[in-house]
């Protein structure tokens, strides 16, 4: 799972979902920044496919931030999603099985 090398935190911003993903090393960030493009996020989280997704790079934090526009409809009070505040969206992303370079699986390389 992606979560072997990356952490994540997610939540709601009105009707939008926000997902932050980070890693612990420069090597892992170089991989993450190339691997986790908008198209890949949409593959890993198919419910986002028809929606606008904005990606922000935060290299000094070794992190990426995604805003998924409209995922939560008009917001938490009107969303029919099982997770109306998108609190588990980051963990759902971390649970997705992806190909990770073997060097990143070494505990020394990920710190």
PDB file of N, CA and C in Angstrom:
ATOM      1  N   UNK A   1       0.820  -1.213   0.000  1.00  0.00           N
ATOM      2  CA  UNK A   1       0.000   0.000   0.000  1.00  0.00           C
ATOM      3  C   UNK A   1       0.857   1.267   0.000  1.00  0.00           C
ATOM      4  N   UNK A   2       0.315   2.309  -0.582  1.00  0.00           N
ATOM      5  CA  UNK A   2       0.997   3.594  -0.618  1.00  0.00           C
ATOM      6  C   UNK A   2       1.380   4.041   0.795  1.00  0.00           C
ATOM      7  N   UNK A   3       0.580   3.671   1.768  1.00  0.00           N
ATOM      8  CA  UNK A   3       0.834   4.049   3.146  1.00  0.00           C
ATOM      9  C   UNK A   3       2.107   3.479   3.745  1.00  0.00           C
ATOM     10  N   UNK A   4       2.755   2.532   3.085  1.00  0.00           N
ATOM     11  CA  UNK A   4       4.052   2.050   3.576  1.00  0.00           C
ATOM     12  C   UNK A   4       5.109   3.140   3.502  1.00  0.00           C
ATOM     13  N   UNK A   5       4.932   4.077   2.574  1.00  0.00           N
ATOM     14  CA  UNK A   5       5.938   5.137   2.402  1.00  0.00           C
ATOM     15  C   UNK A   5       5.387   6.545   2.581  1.00  0.00           C
ATOM     16  N   UNK A   6       4.065   6.694   2.697  1.00  0.00           N
ATOM     17  CA  UNK A   6       3.476   8.031   2.747  1.00  0.00           C
ATOM     18  C   UNK A   6       2.441   8.147   3.858  1.00  0.00           C
ATOM     19  N   UNK A   7       2.394   9.321   4.446  1.00  0.00           N
ATOM     20  CA  UNK A   7       1.342   9.666   5.382  1.00  0.00           C
ATOM     21  C   UNK A   7       0.305  10.498   4.657  1.00  0.00           C
ATOM     22  N   UNK A   8      -0.863  10.650   5.268  1.00  0.00           N
ATOM     23  CA  UNK A   8      -1.914  11.457   4.643  1.00  0.00           C
ATOM     24  C   UNK A   8      -2.859  11.999   5.710  1.00  0.00           C
ATOM     25  N   UNK A   9      -3.458  13.105   5.379  1.00  0.00           N
ATOM     26  CA  UNK A   9      -4.492  13.687   6.229  1.00  0.00           C
ATOM     27  C   UNK A   9      -5.501  14.328   5.296  1.00  0.00           C
ATOM     28  N   UNK A  10      -6.764  14.185   5.626  1.00  0.00           N
ATOM     29  CA  UNK A  10      -7.792  14.724   4.738  1.00  0.00           C
ATOM     30  C   UNK A  10      -8.938  15.318   5.544  1.00  0.00           C
ATOM     31  N   UNK A  11      -9.751  16.101   4.851  1.00  0.00           N
ATOM     32  CA  UNK A  11     -10.905  16.716   5.486  1.00  0.00           C
ATOM     33  C   UNK A  11     -11.709  17.506   4.485  1.00  0.00           C
ATOM     34  N   UNK A  12     -12.685  18.222   5.008  1.00  0.00           N
ATOM     35  CA  UNK A  12     -13.580  18.970   4.136  1.00  0.00           C
ATOM     36  C   UNK A  12     -13.273  20.450   4.180  1.00  0.00           C
ATOM     37  N   UNK A  13     -13.526  21.076   3.076  1.00  0.00           N
ATOM     38  CA  UNK A  13     -13.468  22.530   2.933  1.00  0.00           C
ATOM     39  C   UNK A  13     -14.745  22.928   2.205  1.00  0.00           C
ATOM     40  N   UNK A  14     -15.831  23.008   2.946  1.00  0.00           N
ATOM     41  CA  UNK A  14     -17.139  23.231   2.319  1.00  0.00           C
ATOM     42  C   UNK A  14     -17.505  22.007   1.510  1.00  0.00           C
ATOM     43  N   UNK A  15     -17.808  22.171   0.246  1.00  0.00           N
ATOM     44  CA  UNK A  15     -18.141  21.045  -0.615  1.00  0.00           C
ATOM     45  C   UNK A  15     -16.927  20.376  -1.232  1.00  0.00           C
ATOM     46  N   UNK A  16     -15.748  20.893  -0.931  1.00  0.00           N
ATOM     47  CA  UNK A  16     -14.516  20.333  -1.481  1.00  0.00           C
ATOM     48  C   UNK A  16     -13.824  19.435  -0.454  1.00  0.00           C
ATOM     49  N   UNK A  17     -13.106  18.449  -0.939  1.00  0.00           N
ATOM     50  CA  UNK A  17     -12.275  17.619  -0.067  1.00  0.00           C
ATOM     51  C   UNK A  17     -10.826  18.040  -0.237  1.00  0.00           C
ATOM     52  N   UNK A  18     -10.073  17.931   0.828  1.00  0.00           N
ATOM     53  CA  UNK A  18      -8.673  18.305   0.849  1.00  0.00           C
ATOM     54  C   UNK A  18      -7.882  17.081   1.305  1.00  0.00           C
ATOM     55  N   UNK A  19      -6.856  16.695   0.530  1.00  0.00           N
ATOM     56  CA  UNK A  19      -6.022  15.544   0.898  1.00  0.00           C
ATOM     57  C   UNK A  19      -4.558  15.966   0.827  1.00  0.00           C
ATOM     58  N   UNK A  20      -3.874  15.865   1.945  1.00  0.00           N
ATOM     59  CA  UNK A  20      -2.444  16.125   1.993  1.00  0.00           C
ATOM     60  C   UNK A  20      -1.702  14.801   2.095  1.00  0.00           C
ATOM     61  N   UNK A  21      -0.629  14.650   1.328  1.00  0.00           N
ATOM     62  CA  UNK A  21       0.173  13.420   1.321  1.00  0.00           C
ATOM     63  C   UNK A  21       1.625  13.832   1.491  1.00  0.00           C
ATOM     64  N   UNK A  22       2.340  13.162   2.407  1.00  0.00           N
ATOM     65  CA  UNK A  22       3.731  13.521   2.647  1.00  0.00           C
ATOM     66  C   UNK A  22       4.594  12.285   2.847  1.00  0.00           C
ATOM     67  N   UNK A  23       5.882  12.487   2.652  1.00  0.00           N
ATOM     68  CA  UNK A  23       6.886  11.433   2.840  1.00  0.00           C
ATOM     69  C   UNK A  23       8.019  12.004   3.682  1.00  0.00           C
ATOM     70  N   UNK A  24       8.965  11.142   4.085  1.00  0.00           N
ATOM     71  CA  UNK A  24       9.990  11.560   5.037  1.00  0.00           C
ATOM     72  C   UNK A  24      11.362  11.857   4.448  1.00  0.00           C
ATOM     73  N   UNK A  25      11.586  11.576   3.184  1.00  0.00           N
ATOM     74  CA  UNK A  25      12.920  11.808   2.628  1.00  0.00           C
ATOM     75  C   UNK A  25      12.824  12.523   1.290  1.00  0.00           C
ATOM     76  N   UNK A  26      13.926  13.142   0.902  1.00  0.00           N
ATOM     77  CA  UNK A  26      13.977  13.801  -0.406  1.00  0.00           C
ATOM     78  C   UNK A  26      13.817  12.792  -1.531  1.00  0.00           C
ATOM     79  N   UNK A  27      14.417  11.616  -1.362  1.00  0.00           N
ATOM     80  CA  UNK A  27      14.297  10.564  -2.372  1.00  0.00           C
ATOM     81  C   UNK A  27      12.839  10.142  -2.537  1.00  0.00           C
ATOM     82  N   UNK A  28      12.154   9.949  -1.435  1.00  0.00           N
ATOM     83  CA  UNK A  28      10.748   9.564  -1.493  1.00  0.00           C
ATOM     84  C   UNK A  28       9.894  10.683  -2.085  1.00  0.00           C
ATOM     85  N   UNK A  29      10.227  11.935  -1.770  1.00  0.00           N
ATOM     86  CA  UNK A  29       9.456  13.047  -2.336  1.00  0.00           C
ATOM     87  C   UNK A  29       9.639  13.134  -3.850  1.00  0.00           C
ATOM     88  N   UNK A  30      10.847  12.917  -4.318  1.00  0.00           N
ATOM     89  CA  UNK A  30      11.079  12.939  -5.773  1.00  0.00           C
ATOM     90  C   UNK A  30      10.192  11.905  -6.454  1.00  0.00           C
ATOM     91  N   UNK A  31      10.100  10.726  -5.850  1.00  0.00           N
ATOM     92  CA  UNK A  31       9.234   9.679  -6.415  1.00  0.00           C
ATOM     93  C   UNK A  31       7.772  10.084  -6.320  1.00  0.00           C
ATOM     94  N   UNK A  32       7.337  10.542  -5.148  1.00  0.00           N
ATOM     95  CA  UNK A  32       5.933  10.893  -4.931  1.00  0.00           C
ATOM     96  C   UNK A  32       5.481  11.997  -5.881  1.00  0.00           C
ATOM     97  N   UNK A  33       6.298  13.032  -6.033  1.00  0.00           N
ATOM     98  CA  UNK A  33       5.935  14.159  -6.896  1.00  0.00           C
ATOM     99  C   UNK A  33       5.755  13.729  -8.348  1.00  0.00           C
ATOM    100  N   UNK A  34       6.551  12.761  -8.789  1.00  0.00           N
ATOM    101  CA  UNK A  34       6.417  12.246 -10.155  1.00  0.00           C
ATOM    102  C   UNK A  34       5.258  11.258 -10.262  1.00  0.00           C
ATOM    103  N   UNK A  35       5.103  10.417  -9.264  1.00  0.00           N
ATOM    104  CA  UNK A  35       4.106   9.343  -9.291  1.00  0.00           C
ATOM    105  C   UNK A  35       2.677   9.841  -9.084  1.00  0.00           C
ATOM    106  N   UNK A  36       2.472  10.672  -8.097  1.00  0.00           N
ATOM    107  CA  UNK A  36       1.105  11.023  -7.699  1.00  0.00           C
ATOM    108  C   UNK A  36       0.643  12.313  -8.373  1.00  0.00           C
ATOM    109  N   UNK A  37       0.458  12.204  -9.658  1.00  0.00           N
ATOM    110  CA  UNK A  37      -0.099  13.305 -10.449  1.00  0.00           C
ATOM    111  C   UNK A  37      -1.630  13.234 -10.347  1.00  0.00           C
ATOM    112  N   UNK A  38      -2.294  14.234 -10.854  1.00  0.00           N
ATOM    113  CA  UNK A  38      -3.755  14.277 -10.789  1.00  0.00           C
ATOM    114  C   UNK A  38      -4.372  13.046 -11.443  1.00  0.00           C
ATOM    115  N   UNK A  39      -3.846  12.643 -12.587  1.00  0.00           N
ATOM    116  CA  UNK A  39      -4.403  11.494 -13.296  1.00  0.00           C
ATOM    117  C   UNK A  39      -4.296  10.225 -12.437  1.00  0.00           C
ATOM    118  N   UNK A  40      -3.170  10.049 -11.744  1.00  0.00           N
ATOM    119  CA  UNK A  40      -2.977   8.874 -10.890  1.00  0.00           C
ATOM    120  C   UNK A  40      -3.926   8.930  -9.695  1.00  0.00           C
ATOM    121  N   UNK A  41      -4.082  10.106  -9.092  1.00  0.00           N
ATOM    122  CA  UNK A  41      -5.012  10.241  -7.974  1.00  0.00           C
ATOM    123  C   UNK A  41      -6.414   9.825  -8.407  1.00  0.00           C
ATOM    124  N   UNK A  42      -6.803  10.251  -9.598  1.00  0.00           N
ATOM    125  CA  UNK A  42      -8.134   9.898 -10.102  1.00  0.00           C
ATOM    126  C   UNK A  42      -8.267   8.395 -10.355  1.00  0.00           C
ATOM    127  N   UNK A  43      -7.179   7.737 -10.718  1.00  0.00           N
ATOM    128  CA  UNK A  43      -7.208   6.276 -10.875  1.00  0.00           C
ATOM    129  C   UNK A  43      -7.332   5.591  -9.517  1.00  0.00           C
ATOM    130  N   UNK A  44      -6.595   6.088  -8.538  1.00  0.00           N
ATOM    131  CA  UNK A  44      -6.590   5.479  -7.211  1.00  0.00           C
ATOM    132  C   UNK A  44      -7.876   5.762  -6.440  1.00  0.00           C
ATOM    133  N   UNK A  45      -8.484   6.901  -6.695  1.00  0.00           N
ATOM    134  CA  UNK A  45      -9.745   7.288  -6.060  1.00  0.00           C
ATOM    135  C   UNK A  45     -10.771   7.535  -7.164  1.00  0.00           C
ATOM    136  N   UNK A  46     -11.350   6.476  -7.710  1.00  0.00           N
ATOM    137  CA  UNK A  46     -12.207   6.610  -8.898  1.00  0.00           C
ATOM    138  C   UNK A  46     -13.381   7.566  -8.737  1.00  0.00           C
ATOM    139  N   UNK A  47     -13.853   7.767  -7.520  1.00  0.00           N
ATOM    140  CA  UNK A  47     -14.968   8.695  -7.325  1.00  0.00           C
ATOM    141  C   UNK A  47     -14.591  10.135  -7.645  1.00  0.00           C
ATOM    142  N   UNK A  48     -13.285  10.406  -7.776  1.00  0.00           N
ATOM    143  CA  UNK A  48     -12.828  11.753  -8.121  1.00  0.00           C
ATOM    144  C   UNK A  48     -12.703  11.966  -9.626  1.00  0.00           C
ATOM    145  N   UNK A  49     -12.812  10.906 -10.406  1.00  0.00           N
ATOM    146  CA  UNK A  49     -12.545  10.971 -11.853  1.00  0.00           C
ATOM    147  C   UNK A  49     -13.304  12.075 -12.588  1.00  0.00           C
ATOM    148  N   UNK A  50     -14.595  12.269 -12.334  1.00  0.00           N
ATOM    149  CA  UNK A  50     -15.293  13.316 -13.100  1.00  0.00           C
ATOM    150  C   UNK A  50     -15.128  14.722 -12.539  1.00  0.00           C
ATOM    151  N   UNK A  51     -14.403  14.863 -11.452  1.00  0.00           N
ATOM    152  CA  UNK A  51     -14.323  16.145 -10.755  1.00  0.00           C
ATOM    153  C   UNK A  51     -13.034  16.896 -11.067  1.00  0.00           C
ATOM    154  N   UNK A  52     -13.070  18.188 -10.816  1.00  0.00           N
ATOM    155  CA  UNK A  52     -11.855  18.996 -10.923  1.00  0.00           C
ATOM    156  C   UNK A  52     -10.983  18.704  -9.710  1.00  0.00           C
ATOM    157  N   UNK A  53      -9.709  18.427  -9.968  1.00  0.00           N
ATOM    158  CA  UNK A  53      -8.748  18.197  -8.894  1.00  0.00           C
ATOM    159  C   UNK A  53      -7.602  19.178  -9.087  1.00  0.00           C
ATOM    160  N   UNK A  54      -7.250  19.863  -8.007  1.00  0.00           N
ATOM    161  CA  UNK A  54      -6.121  20.807  -8.035  1.00  0.00           C
ATOM    162  C   UNK A  54      -4.990  20.218  -7.199  1.00  0.00           C
ATOM    163  N   UNK A  55      -3.785  20.289  -7.727  1.00  0.00           N
ATOM    164  CA  UNK A  55      -2.608  19.729  -7.045  1.00  0.00           C
ATOM    165  C   UNK A  55      -1.645  20.851  -6.696  1.00  0.00           C
ATOM    166  N   UNK A  56      -1.176  20.824  -5.455  1.00  0.00           N
ATOM    167  CA  UNK A  56      -0.219  21.812  -4.988  1.00  0.00           C
ATOM    168  C   UNK A  56       1.005  21.084  -4.454  1.00  0.00           C
ATOM    169  N   UNK A  57       2.189  21.515  -4.885  1.00  0.00           N
ATOM    170  CA  UNK A  57       3.439  20.914  -4.427  1.00  0.00           C
ATOM    171  C   UNK A  57       4.016  21.739  -3.284  1.00  0.00           C
ATOM    172  N   UNK A  58       4.447  21.066  -2.236  1.00  0.00           N
ATOM    173  CA  UNK A  58       5.061  21.699  -1.073  1.00  0.00           C
ATOM    174  C   UNK A  58       6.395  21.011  -0.823  1.00  0.00           C
ATOM    175  N   UNK A  59       7.396  21.260  -1.680  1.00  0.00           N
ATOM    176  CA  UNK A  59       8.650  20.515  -1.606  1.00  0.00           C
ATOM    177  C   UNK A  59       9.400  20.682  -0.291  1.00  0.00           C
ATOM    178  N   UNK A  60       9.319  21.845   0.337  1.00  0.00           N
ATOM    179  CA  UNK A  60      10.025  22.023   1.609  1.00  0.00           C
ATOM    180  C   UNK A  60       9.434  21.160   2.718  1.00  0.00           C
ATOM    181  N   UNK A  61       8.180  20.747   2.553  1.00  0.00           N
ATOM    182  CA  UNK A  61       7.526  19.849   3.509  1.00  0.00           C
ATOM    183  C   UNK A  61       7.507  18.412   3.011  1.00  0.00           C
ATOM    184  N   UNK A  62       8.054  18.203   1.799  1.00  0.00           N
ATOM    185  CA  UNK A  62       8.000  16.895   1.133  1.00  0.00           C
ATOM    186  C   UNK A  62       6.551  16.406   1.034  1.00  0.00           C
ATOM    187  N   UNK A  63       5.684  17.302   0.588  1.00  0.00           N
ATOM    188  CA  UNK A  63       4.256  17.011   0.580  1.00  0.00           C
ATOM    189  C   UNK A  63       3.579  17.488  -0.699  1.00  0.00           C
ATOM    190  N   UNK A  64       2.454  16.857  -0.973  1.00  0.00           N
ATOM    191  CA  UNK A  64       1.543  17.275  -2.033  1.00  0.00           C
ATOM    192  C   UNK A  64       0.193  17.514  -1.383  1.00  0.00           C
ATOM    193  N   UNK A  65      -0.539  18.485  -1.886  1.00  0.00           N
ATOM    194  CA  UNK A  65      -1.886  18.728  -1.396  1.00  0.00           C
ATOM    195  C   UNK A  65      -2.832  18.720  -2.591  1.00  0.00           C
ATOM    196  N   UNK A  66      -3.944  18.032  -2.429  1.00  0.00           N
ATOM    197  CA  UNK A  66      -4.951  17.950  -3.481  1.00  0.00           C
ATOM    198  C   UNK A  66      -6.257  18.519  -2.960  1.00  0.00           C
ATOM    199  N   UNK A  67      -6.903  19.334  -3.780  1.00  0.00           N
ATOM    200  CA  UNK A  67      -8.245  19.813  -3.497  1.00  0.00           C
ATOM    201  C   UNK A  67      -9.146  19.181  -4.547  1.00  0.00           C
ATOM    202  N   UNK A  68     -10.144  18.447  -4.076  1.00  0.00           N
ATOM    203  CA  UNK A  68     -11.081  17.763  -4.967  1.00  0.00           C
ATOM    204  C   UNK A  68     -12.381  18.557  -4.930  1.00  0.00           C
ATOM    205  N   UNK A  69     -12.608  19.305  -5.986  1.00  0.00           N
ATOM    206  CA  UNK A  69     -13.710  20.264  -6.034  1.00  0.00           C
ATOM    207  C   UNK A  69     -15.045  19.539  -6.185  1.00  0.00           C
ATOM    208  N   UNK A  70     -15.957  19.822  -5.260  1.00  0.00           N
ATOM    209  CA  UNK A  70     -17.318  19.306  -5.367  1.00  0.00           C
ATOM    210  C   UNK A  70     -17.539  17.882  -4.889  1.00  0.00           C
ATOM    211  N   UNK A  71     -16.521  17.212  -4.359  1.00  0.00           N
ATOM    212  CA  UNK A  71     -16.692  15.817  -3.922  1.00  0.00           C
ATOM    213  C   UNK A  71     -17.773  15.693  -2.858  1.00  0.00           C
ATOM    214  N   UNK A  72     -17.922  16.708  -2.038  1.00  0.00           N
ATOM    215  CA  UNK A  72     -18.867  16.647  -0.919  1.00  0.00           C
ATOM    216  C   UNK A  72     -20.155  17.419  -1.191  1.00  0.00           C
ATOM    217  N   UNK A  73     -20.443  17.638  -2.481  1.00  0.00           N
ATOM    218  CA  UNK A  73     -21.669  18.345  -2.849  1.00  0.00           C
ATOM    219  C   UNK A  73     -21.663  19.759  -2.316  1.00  0.00           C
ATOM    220  N   UNK A  74     -22.683  20.104  -1.552  1.00  0.00           N
ATOM    221  CA  UNK A  74     -22.779  21.451  -0.985  1.00  0.00           C
ATOM    222  C   UNK A  74     -22.170  21.531   0.409  1.00  0.00           C
ATOM    223  N   UNK A  75     -21.540  20.468   0.836  1.00  0.00           N
ATOM    224  CA  UNK A  75     -20.898  20.474   2.145  1.00  0.00           C
ATOM    225  C   UNK A  75     -21.399  19.364   3.034  1.00  0.00           C
ATOM    226  N   UNK A  76     -20.853  19.302   4.229  1.00  0.00           N
ATOM    227  CA  UNK A  76     -21.113  18.188   5.134  1.00  0.00           C
ATOM    228  C   UNK A  76     -22.600  17.988   5.426  1.00  0.00           C
ATOM    229  N   UNK A  77     -23.358  19.035   5.546  1.00  0.00           N
ATOM    230  CA  UNK A  77     -24.766  18.910   5.892  1.00  0.00           C
ATOM    231  C   UNK A  77     -25.616  18.343   4.757  1.00  0.00           C
ATOM    232  N   UNK A  78     -25.109  18.427   3.531  1.00  0.00           N
ATOM    233  CA  UNK A  78     -25.904  17.950   2.397  1.00  0.00           C
ATOM    234  C   UNK A  78     -25.282  16.744   1.703  1.00  0.00           C
ATOM    235  N   UNK A  79     -24.093  16.328   2.110  1.00  0.00           N
ATOM    236  CA  UNK A  79     -23.409  15.231   1.433  1.00  0.00           C
ATOM    237  C   UNK A  79     -24.046  13.891   1.769  1.00  0.00           C
ATOM    238  N   UNK A  80     -24.200  13.047   0.754  1.00  0.00           N
ATOM    239  CA  UNK A  80     -24.743  11.707   0.963  1.00  0.00           C
ATOM    240  C   UNK A  80     -23.629  10.657   1.014  1.00  0.00           C
ATOM    241  N   UNK A  81     -22.372  11.098   1.016  1.00  0.00           N
ATOM    242  CA  UNK A  81     -21.247  10.173   1.105  1.00  0.00           C
ATOM    243  C   UNK A  81     -21.198   9.537   2.490  1.00  0.00           C
ATOM    244  N   UNK A  82     -20.726   8.288   2.579  1.00  0.00           N
ATOM    245  CA  UNK A  82     -20.550   7.660   3.905  1.00  0.00           C
ATOM    246  C   UNK A  82     -19.570   8.433   4.787  1.00  0.00           C
ATOM    247  N   UNK A  83     -18.680   9.181   4.184  1.00  0.00           N
ATOM    248  CA  UNK A  83     -17.677   9.974   4.896  1.00  0.00           C
ATOM    249  C   UNK A  83     -17.894  11.440   4.501  1.00  0.00           C
ATOM    250  N   UNK A  84     -18.943  12.082   5.016  1.00  0.00           N
ATOM    251  CA  UNK A  84     -19.310  13.410   4.513  1.00  0.00           C
ATOM    252  C   UNK A  84     -18.297  14.504   4.790  1.00  0.00           C
ATOM    253  N   UNK A  85     -17.356  14.292   5.704  1.00  0.00           N
ATOM    254  CA  UNK A  85     -16.321  15.289   5.967  1.00  0.00           C
ATOM    255  C   UNK A  85     -14.987  14.901   5.347  1.00  0.00           C
ATOM    256  N   UNK A  86     -14.943  13.816   4.599  1.00  0.00           N
ATOM    257  CA  UNK A  86     -13.746  13.337   3.893  1.00  0.00           C
ATOM    258  C   UNK A  86     -12.591  13.031   4.850  1.00  0.00           C
ATOM    259  N   UNK A  87     -12.894  12.715   6.102  1.00  0.00           N
ATOM    260  CA  UNK A  87     -11.845  12.439   7.087  1.00  0.00           C
ATOM    261  C   UNK A  87     -11.095  11.146   6.778  1.00  0.00           C
ATOM    262  N   UNK A  88     -11.735  10.188   6.150  1.00  0.00           N
ATOM    263  CA  UNK A  88     -11.059   8.918   5.860  1.00  0.00           C
ATOM    264  C   UNK A  88     -10.511   8.834   4.439  1.00  0.00           C
ATOM    265  N   UNK A  89     -10.682   9.875   3.651  1.00  0.00           N
ATOM    266  CA  UNK A  89     -10.224   9.856   2.261  1.00  0.00           C
ATOM    267  C   UNK A  89      -8.713   9.660   2.169  1.00  0.00           C
ATOM    268  N   UNK A  90      -7.950  10.291   3.033  1.00  0.00           N
ATOM    269  CA  UNK A  90      -6.498  10.127   3.040  1.00  0.00           C
ATOM    270  C   UNK A  90      -6.087   8.700   3.362  1.00  0.00           C
ATOM    271  N   UNK A  91      -6.778   8.066   4.311  1.00  0.00           N
ATOM    272  CA  UNK A  91      -6.466   6.673   4.647  1.00  0.00           C
ATOM    273  C   UNK A  91      -6.881   5.727   3.523  1.00  0.00           C
ATOM    274  N   UNK A  92      -7.962   6.044   2.831  1.00  0.00           N
ATOM    275  CA  UNK A  92      -8.381   5.255   1.672  1.00  0.00           C
ATOM    276  C   UNK A  92      -7.293   5.332   0.592  1.00  0.00           C
ATOM    277  N   UNK A  93      -6.733   6.515   0.375  1.00  0.00           N
ATOM    278  CA  UNK A  93      -5.646   6.665  -0.590  1.00  0.00           C
ATOM    279  C   UNK A  93      -4.418   5.871  -0.134  1.00  0.00           C
ATOM    280  N   UNK A  94      -4.063   5.954   1.144  1.00  0.00           N
ATOM    281  CA  UNK A  94      -2.900   5.218   1.667  1.00  0.00           C
ATOM    282  C   UNK A  94      -3.086   3.703   1.563  1.00  0.00           C
ATOM    283  N   UNK A  95      -4.312   3.232   1.556  1.00  0.00           N
ATOM    284  CA  UNK A  95      -4.589   1.794   1.477  1.00  0.00           C
ATOM    285  C   UNK A  95      -4.473   1.239   0.063  1.00  0.00           C
ATOM    286  N   UNK A  96      -4.443   2.104  -0.926  1.00  0.00           N
ATOM    287  CA  UNK A  96      -4.383   1.660  -2.314  1.00  0.00           C
ATOM    288  C   UNK A  96      -3.016   1.033  -2.594  1.00  0.00           C
ATOM    289  N   UNK A  97      -3.027  -0.093  -3.261  1.00  0.00           N
ATOM    290  CA  UNK A  97      -1.790  -0.817  -3.582  1.00  0.00           C
ATOM    291  C   UNK A  97      -1.193  -0.245  -4.862  1.00  0.00           C
ATOM    292  N   UNK A  98       0.067   0.178  -4.751  1.00  0.00           N
ATOM    293  CA  UNK A  98       0.787   0.779  -5.885  1.00  0.00           C
ATOM    294  C   UNK A  98       2.181   0.177  -5.947  1.00  0.00           C
ATOM    295  N   UNK A  99       2.830   0.343  -7.084  1.00  0.00           N
ATOM    296  CA  UNK A  99       4.224  -0.076  -7.217  1.00  0.00           C
ATOM    297  C   UNK A  99       5.117   1.003  -6.616  1.00  0.00           C
ATOM    298  N   UNK A 100       5.905   0.613  -5.636  1.00  0.00           N
ATOM    299  CA  UNK A 100       6.815   1.528  -4.953  1.00  0.00           C
ATOM    300  C   UNK A 100       8.235   1.039  -5.208  1.00  0.00           C
ATOM    301  N   UNK A 101       9.157   1.926  -5.555  1.00  0.00           N
ATOM    302  CA  UNK A 101      10.545   1.497  -5.741  1.00  0.00           C
ATOM    303  C   UNK A 101      11.065   0.805  -4.479  1.00  0.00           C
ATOM    304  N   UNK A 102      11.734  -0.301  -4.679  1.00  0.00           N
ATOM    305  CA  UNK A 102      12.220  -1.097  -3.558  1.00  0.00           C
ATOM    306  C   UNK A 102      13.097  -0.293  -2.605  1.00  0.00           C
ATOM    307  N   UNK A 103      13.888   0.618  -3.146  1.00  0.00           N
ATOM    308  CA  UNK A 103      14.779   1.414  -2.310  1.00  0.00           C
ATOM    309  C   UNK A 103      13.989   2.229  -1.281  1.00  0.00           C
ATOM    310  N   UNK A 104      12.756   2.607  -1.587  1.00  0.00           N
ATOM    311  CA  UNK A 104      11.947   3.386  -0.654  1.00  0.00           C
ATOM    312  C   UNK A 104      11.363   2.533   0.463  1.00  0.00           C
ATOM    313  N   UNK A 105      11.362   1.235   0.270  1.00  0.00           N
ATOM    314  CA  UNK A 105      10.838   0.340   1.301  1.00  0.00           C
ATOM    315  C   UNK A 105      11.848   0.073   2.404  1.00  0.00           C
ATOM    316  N   UNK A 106      13.110   0.396   2.150  1.00  0.00           N
ATOM    317  CA  UNK A 106      14.158   0.274   3.149  1.00  0.00           C
ATOM    318  C   UNK A 106      13.923   1.394   4.178  1.00  0.00           C
ATOM    319  N   UNK A 107      13.861   1.051   5.441  1.00  0.00           N
ATOM    320  CA  UNK A 107      13.530   2.032   6.469  1.00  0.00           C
ATOM    321  C   UNK A 107      14.508   3.200   6.497  1.00  0.00           C
ATOM    322  N   UNK A 108      15.755   2.988   6.188  1.00  0.00           N
ATOM    323  CA  UNK A 108      16.726   4.087   6.187  1.00  0.00           C
ATOM    324  C   UNK A 108      16.445   5.088   5.078  1.00  0.00           C
ATOM    325  N   UNK A 109      15.955   4.619   3.942  1.00  0.00           N
ATOM    326  CA  UNK A 109      15.679   5.508   2.809  1.00  0.00           C
ATOM    327  C   UNK A 109      14.435   6.348   3.023  1.00  0.00           C
ATOM    328  N   UNK A 110      13.553   5.914   3.904  1.00  0.00           N
ATOM    329  CA  UNK A 110      12.297   6.635   4.082  1.00  0.00           C
ATOM    330  C   UNK A 110      12.381   7.658   5.204  1.00  0.00           C
ATOM    331  N   UNK A 111      13.519   7.812   5.850  1.00  0.00           N
ATOM    332  CA  UNK A 111      13.620   8.780   6.966  1.00  0.00           C
ATOM    333  C   UNK A 111      14.504   9.952   6.615  1.00  0.00           C
TER     334      UNK A 111
END
